[in-house]
Amino acid sequence: QVQLIESGGGLVQAGGSLRLSCVASGVTFSDYAMGWFRQAPGKEREFVAALSRRSGGYTVYADSVRGRFSISRDNAKNTVFLQMNGLIPEDTAVYYCAADSVAFSSRPHEDWAEYDYWGQGTQVTVSS
């Protein structure tokens, strides 16, 4: 049974930082590209960041978070991280991690429909 469990969300003031974690089980973690998505109330799910399988050497970011957020992975711990700095109220959302079964370490997908497994999400709230 595949499980993705996010943690690290919370309430933070604008300008602050949070580090989200997502632990995977039931999969060969290093074979999966990993992504972070978010969904704010009344809005569609949107791409945040993703990185390629294995070494995670190929990273992709949404324009809205590039330069503030950083995605990384630790295959020994079956964990993907999202370091979020310089948070703004517009970052308020439920954040989801997702796993994408891919054959190659190429550019990771930005389309949520490409991802095979999802966590239940963690709430991030940024106050002004």
Protein backbone atom coordinates (compact mmCIF):
# COMPACT_ATOMS: atom_id res chain seq x y z
CA GLN A 1 0.00 0.00 0.00
CA VAL A 2 1.43 3.33 -1.08
CA GLN A 3 1.35 6.15 1.43
CA LEU A 4 2.59 9.72 1.24
CA ILE A 5 2.42 11.61 4.51
CA GLU A 6 3.07 15.35 4.63
CA SER A 7 4.06 17.34 7.69
CA GLY A 8 5.49 20.71 8.61
CA GLY A 9 2.60 22.99 7.81
CA GLY A 10 1.35 25.65 10.17
CA LEU A 11 0.68 29.32 10.75
CA VAL A 12 3.48 31.77 10.02
CA GLN A 13 3.77 35.52 9.57
CA ALA A 14 4.56 37.04 6.22
CA GLY A 15 8.29 36.89 5.56
CA GLY A 16 8.69 33.74 7.61
CA SER A 17 9.76 30.24 6.65
CA LEU A 18 8.44 26.71 6.83
CA ARG A 19 9.87 23.38 5.79
CA LEU A 20 7.45 20.77 4.55
CA SER A 21 8.31 17.08 4.56
CA CYS A 22 6.68 14.16 2.78
CA VAL A 23 7.55 10.59 3.72
CA ALA A 24 6.75 7.83 1.26
CA SER A 25 6.16 4.15 1.95
CA GLY A 26 5.12 1.21 -0.21
CA VAL A 27 7.13 2.40 -3.21
CA THR A 28 10.73 2.32 -4.39
CA PHE A 29 11.06 5.98 -3.60
CA SER A 30 14.11 6.73 -5.72
CA ASP A 31 12.28 5.55 -8.87
CA TYR A 32 9.69 8.32 -8.55
CA ALA A 33 9.81 11.93 -9.54
CA MET A 34 8.26 13.95 -6.72
CA GLY A 35 6.17 17.08 -6.81
CA TRP A 36 4.50 19.59 -4.53
CA PHE A 37 1.15 21.13 -5.40
CA ARG A 38 -1.15 23.45 -3.50
CA GLN A 39 -4.80 24.36 -3.42
CA ALA A 40 -6.27 27.47 -1.88
CA PRO A 41 -9.97 27.77 -1.00
CA GLY A 42 -12.05 28.34 -4.11
CA LYS A 43 -9.09 27.85 -6.43
CA GLU A 44 -7.82 25.02 -8.56
CA ARG A 45 -4.89 22.86 -7.57
CA GLU A 46 -1.68 24.39 -8.83
CA PHE A 47 1.86 23.22 -9.38
CA VAL A 48 4.52 24.45 -6.96
CA ALA A 49 7.72 22.47 -7.52
CA ALA A 50 9.02 19.10 -8.67
CA LEU A 51 12.24 17.21 -8.98
CA SER A 52 13.39 14.23 -11.00
CA ARG A 53 13.83 10.72 -9.73
CA ARG A 54 17.08 9.23 -8.40
CA SER A 55 19.42 12.12 -7.61
CA GLY A 56 16.76 14.79 -8.10
CA GLY A 57 19.12 16.78 -10.25
CA TYR A 58 16.38 18.24 -12.43
CA THR A 59 14.14 20.70 -10.57
CA VAL A 60 11.21 22.78 -11.81
CA TYR A 61 9.44 25.64 -10.02
CA ALA A 62 6.32 27.66 -10.57
CA ASP A 63 7.09 31.28 -11.41
CA SER A 64 5.28 32.41 -8.27
CA VAL A 65 7.68 30.56 -5.95
CA ARG A 66 10.96 30.51 -7.86
CA GLY A 67 13.73 32.02 -5.76
CA ARG A 68 11.76 31.60 -2.51
CA PHE A 69 11.06 27.85 -2.40
CA SER A 70 13.48 24.95 -2.73
CA ILE A 71 12.65 21.28 -3.30
CA SER A 72 14.99 18.46 -2.36
CA ARG A 73 14.94 14.75 -1.61
CA ASP A 74 16.64 12.27 0.68
CA ASN A 75 16.28 8.81 -0.84
CA ALA A 76 17.76 7.12 2.21
CA LYS A 77 14.84 8.48 4.23
CA ASN A 78 12.19 8.18 1.50
CA THR A 79 11.50 11.86 2.01
CA VAL A 80 10.97 14.92 -0.17
CA PHE A 81 11.22 18.41 1.28
CA LEU A 82 9.91 21.82 0.38
CA GLN A 83 11.79 24.68 2.01
CA MET A 84 9.65 27.79 1.85
CA ASN A 85 11.22 31.17 2.58
CA GLY A 86 9.86 34.67 2.23
CA LEU A 87 6.30 33.46 2.63
CA ILE A 88 3.50 35.78 1.58
CA PRO A 89 -0.26 35.57 2.28
CA GLU A 90 -0.83 34.34 -1.29
CA ASP A 91 1.05 31.17 -0.35
CA THR A 92 -1.77 30.18 1.98
CA ALA A 93 -3.12 26.81 0.84
CA VAL A 94 -3.20 23.11 1.51
CA TYR A 95 0.07 21.67 0.21
CA TYR A 96 0.17 18.18 -1.27
CA CYS A 97 3.09 16.01 -2.24
CA ALA A 98 2.76 13.61 -5.14
CA ALA A 99 4.75 10.78 -6.71
CA ASP A 100 5.14 10.23 -10.44
CA SER A 101 6.33 6.87 -11.78
CA VAL A 102 8.74 7.72 -14.58
CA ALA A 103 11.26 5.70 -16.54
CA PHE A 104 13.86 8.41 -16.93
CA SER A 105 15.41 11.19 -14.89
CA SER A 106 14.12 13.83 -17.26
CA ARG A 107 12.24 17.06 -16.64
CA PRO A 108 9.57 16.35 -14.02
CA HIS A 109 5.92 16.97 -14.86
CA GLU A 110 4.04 20.08 -13.85
CA ASP A 111 0.62 18.63 -14.69
CA TRP A 112 -0.98 17.13 -11.59
CA ALA A 113 -2.74 14.53 -13.78
CA GLU A 114 0.62 12.87 -14.47
CA TYR A 115 1.14 11.95 -10.82
CA ASP A 116 0.21 8.52 -9.55
CA TYR A 117 0.06 8.92 -5.78
CA TRP A 118 -0.93 11.74 -3.47
CA GLY A 119 -0.70 12.63 0.18
CA GLN A 120 -3.57 14.04 2.19
CA GLY A 121 -2.08 17.50 2.46
CA THR A 122 -0.81 19.88 5.10
CA GLN A 123 -2.22 23.35 5.74
CA VAL A 124 0.02 26.39 5.36
CA THR A 125 -1.39 29.71 6.51
CA VAL A 126 0.54 32.96 6.10
CA SER A 127 -0.72 35.96 8.00
CA SER A 128 -0.09 39.54 6.89
